[in-house]
Amino acid sequence: MYAVQEGLRKFGIEHSFQIQSIIYLYAQWIREGRLPVDPSWNDDLKVKFTVQDPCQLVRKTYGDDVADELRFVVKSVVGEENFVEMHPNRSNNFCCGGGGGFLQATGFAEDRRAYGKTKFDQIMATGADYCITPCHNCHSQIHDLSEHFEGGFPVVHLWTLICLAMGVLGENEREYLGEDLAEVNMPDQGEA
């Protein structure tokens, strides 16, 4: 999003379309009832979640407004009482260290992990069981940090939890869920 918006601005390209984050649409669809999420799956489990604010999405593109919408979505799917905030957060959140192509560049794993140690420590300080990421670069980097530094917390995509809270997350889409959530809201055979 940031790259497209910045390219349009930098090169003065006229356009008649709007670039919007899926986070805004998730929030809108939840409010409208079009994404019928139900956080009650977590009422008894009380699994705690924190969320990563991606640099490109929050700090560089949409600011705290999208971060607030992200929190609305997360709380809607896991339960408000099961959300644990990182500090600092939103536009001031620490970078995970995996963006801007750094994650895909070979030969820099140790540097990337060294930069990401601040993010790892920030996540660990929350005491959350899971870290939610709406960005694929953040997901890959934070997953690697959890494994490398032996954090023990799974990293899950936002859409995975939305599907879980709707009862439509298929058996083959649970790769990043821990054992505590592996069987939660499993759809009947033939429904997913």
Foldseek 3Di string as FASTA:
>chain_A
DLVVVVVCVVVVPDDDDDDDDVLVVLLVCCVVCVLVFAQVLQVVVLAAEEEAAACVNAQRPPHQVSVVSNLVLVCRLNNPSRYFYFPPDGNPDQHQQQDPCNVVDPPCVVVSLVSNVVVLVRVVVRVGQEYEYQDPRSQVSVQVNCVVVVVNHFYYYSVQSSCLRSLNRELVNCVRPDPSCNPRSHHDPPPD
